[in-house]
N, C-alpha and C. Protein backbone atom coordinates (compact mmCIF):
# COMPACT_ATOMS: atom_id res chain seq x y z
N MET A 1 19.11 -20.89 4.32
CA MET A 1 18.55 -19.64 3.78
C MET A 1 19.09 -18.36 4.06
N ALA A 2 20.40 -18.38 4.60
CA ALA A 2 21.24 -17.14 4.80
C ALA A 2 21.50 -16.40 3.39
N LYS A 3 21.45 -15.31 3.66
CA LYS A 3 21.70 -14.38 2.31
C LYS A 3 23.10 -13.64 2.48
N LYS A 4 23.49 -13.23 1.54
CA LYS A 4 24.85 -12.62 1.24
C LYS A 4 24.85 -11.44 2.40
N VAL A 5 23.94 -10.58 2.67
CA VAL A 5 23.90 -9.65 3.55
C VAL A 5 24.54 -9.70 4.89
N VAL A 6 24.50 -11.15 5.35
CA VAL A 6 24.92 -11.55 6.52
C VAL A 6 26.42 -11.68 6.41
N ALA A 7 27.14 -11.91 5.48
CA ALA A 7 28.62 -11.90 5.32
C ALA A 7 29.19 -10.60 5.13
N THR A 8 28.28 -9.56 4.62
CA THR A 8 28.68 -8.07 4.69
C THR A 8 28.71 -7.59 6.12
N LEU A 9 28.17 -8.11 7.08
CA LEU A 9 27.97 -7.30 8.28
C LEU A 9 29.16 -7.58 9.33
N LYS A 10 30.18 -8.44 8.82
CA LYS A 10 31.51 -8.67 9.39
C LYS A 10 32.23 -7.36 9.25
N THR A 11 32.86 -6.83 10.29
CA THR A 11 33.79 -5.51 10.02
C THR A 11 35.07 -5.99 10.60
N THR A 12 36.08 -5.12 9.98
CA THR A 12 37.45 -5.33 10.37
C THR A 12 37.82 -4.54 11.63
N THR A 13 36.78 -3.85 12.37
CA THR A 13 37.14 -3.06 13.53
C THR A 13 36.86 -4.13 14.78
N GLY A 14 36.57 -5.45 14.68
CA GLY A 14 36.53 -6.38 15.63
C GLY A 14 35.24 -6.83 16.38
N LYS A 15 34.18 -5.82 15.80
CA LYS A 15 32.81 -6.18 16.31
C LYS A 15 32.07 -6.66 15.24
N ASN A 16 31.42 -7.96 15.49
CA ASN A 16 30.67 -8.46 14.53
C ASN A 16 29.16 -8.06 14.90
N TYR A 17 28.38 -8.05 13.68
CA TYR A 17 26.87 -7.81 13.57
C TYR A 17 26.14 -8.92 13.17
N ALA A 18 24.92 -9.08 13.65
CA ALA A 18 23.98 -10.31 13.24
C ALA A 18 22.75 -9.51 12.76
N LYS A 19 22.10 -9.88 11.78
CA LYS A 19 20.76 -9.55 11.26
C LYS A 19 19.80 -10.55 11.94
N VAL A 20 18.94 -10.12 12.94
CA VAL A 20 17.93 -10.98 13.66
C VAL A 20 16.59 -10.61 13.17
N ILE A 21 15.73 -11.47 13.15
CA ILE A 21 14.13 -11.25 12.50
C ILE A 21 13.37 -11.84 13.60
N ARG A 22 12.40 -11.22 14.30
CA ARG A 22 11.52 -11.64 15.19
C ARG A 22 10.14 -11.56 14.74
N THR A 23 9.45 -12.64 14.95
CA THR A 23 8.12 -12.65 14.32
C THR A 23 7.12 -12.20 15.52
N LEU A 24 6.31 -11.47 15.23
CA LEU A 24 5.32 -10.67 16.27
C LEU A 24 3.88 -10.87 15.62
N ARG A 25 3.02 -10.88 16.39
CA ARG A 25 1.53 -10.83 16.19
C ARG A 25 0.99 -9.61 16.20
N SER A 26 0.36 -8.98 15.33
CA SER A 26 -0.15 -7.65 15.09
C SER A 26 -1.51 -7.74 15.98
N GLU A 27 -1.58 -6.83 16.77
CA GLU A 27 -2.72 -6.77 17.67
C GLU A 27 -4.11 -6.29 16.93
N LYS A 28 -4.02 -5.38 15.89
CA LYS A 28 -5.10 -4.99 15.10
C LYS A 28 -5.51 -6.22 14.19
N THR A 29 -4.83 -6.79 13.39
CA THR A 29 -5.38 -7.77 12.59
C THR A 29 -5.08 -9.28 12.83
N GLY A 30 -4.17 -9.57 13.77
CA GLY A 30 -3.84 -10.88 14.08
C GLY A 30 -2.94 -11.52 13.33
N ALA A 31 -2.49 -10.63 12.16
CA ALA A 31 -1.61 -11.25 11.13
C ALA A 31 -0.15 -11.27 11.79
N TYR A 32 0.72 -12.16 11.36
CA TYR A 32 2.22 -11.86 11.54
C TYR A 32 2.89 -10.96 10.89
N VAL A 33 3.82 -10.21 11.93
CA VAL A 33 4.66 -9.20 11.32
C VAL A 33 6.07 -9.57 11.89
N PHE A 34 7.04 -9.18 10.78
CA PHE A 34 8.43 -9.48 10.96
C PHE A 34 9.28 -8.21 11.24
N LYS A 35 9.98 -8.19 12.38
CA LYS A 35 10.87 -7.12 12.99
C LYS A 35 12.17 -7.40 12.78
N GLU A 36 12.97 -6.74 11.55
CA GLU A 36 14.24 -7.03 11.37
C GLU A 36 15.14 -5.80 11.95
N GLU A 37 16.18 -6.43 12.50
CA GLU A 37 17.11 -5.46 13.34
C GLU A 37 18.64 -6.01 12.91
N ILE A 38 19.57 -5.20 12.90
CA ILE A 38 20.89 -5.52 13.00
C ILE A 38 21.48 -5.10 14.39
N ILE A 39 21.91 -6.08 14.98
CA ILE A 39 22.68 -5.85 16.35
C ILE A 39 23.83 -6.52 16.50
N PRO A 40 24.62 -6.24 17.50
CA PRO A 40 26.13 -6.87 17.74
C PRO A 40 25.87 -8.18 18.08
N SER A 41 26.76 -9.08 17.63
CA SER A 41 26.70 -10.67 17.92
C SER A 41 26.43 -10.93 19.27
N ASP A 42 27.15 -9.98 20.15
CA ASP A 42 27.10 -10.35 21.63
C ASP A 42 25.67 -10.21 22.22
N ASN A 43 24.86 -9.50 21.63
CA ASN A 43 23.49 -9.24 22.33
C ASN A 43 22.42 -10.05 21.60
N VAL A 44 22.84 -11.14 20.82
CA VAL A 44 21.77 -11.71 20.27
C VAL A 44 20.95 -12.48 21.39
N LYS A 45 21.62 -13.41 22.16
CA LYS A 45 20.74 -13.98 23.08
C LYS A 45 19.84 -13.03 24.06
N ASP A 46 20.34 -12.00 24.48
CA ASP A 46 19.50 -10.98 25.24
C ASP A 46 18.40 -10.44 24.64
N TYR A 47 18.56 -10.28 23.00
CA TYR A 47 17.49 -9.58 22.17
C TYR A 47 16.30 -10.61 22.31
N PHE A 48 16.62 -11.93 22.14
CA PHE A 48 15.36 -12.81 21.99
C PHE A 48 14.88 -13.18 23.32
N ALA A 49 15.67 -13.03 24.50
CA ALA A 49 15.18 -13.27 25.78
C ALA A 49 14.13 -12.23 26.16
N LYS A 50 14.22 -10.99 25.91
CA LYS A 50 13.36 -10.08 26.29
C LYS A 50 12.07 -10.04 25.52
N LYS A 51 10.99 -9.70 25.90
CA LYS A 51 9.61 -9.57 25.16
C LYS A 51 9.22 -8.22 24.98
C-alpha cells in the first residue's frame, strides 16, 4: 500500500523522513480520524509510543 510519496521523502542531506499515519477516535462523533505527519525516520518509534 506504499505510495510514491514515500520514495520522495529521502533526501541527499543524510536525514531520511517517513510519513506516519495515526488513527484517532473523534470525541464528538466517535468516528475515526486519520492524522498524517512527516517526521524524521529516527523518531518513528517515539511518535507511536506517546499518546
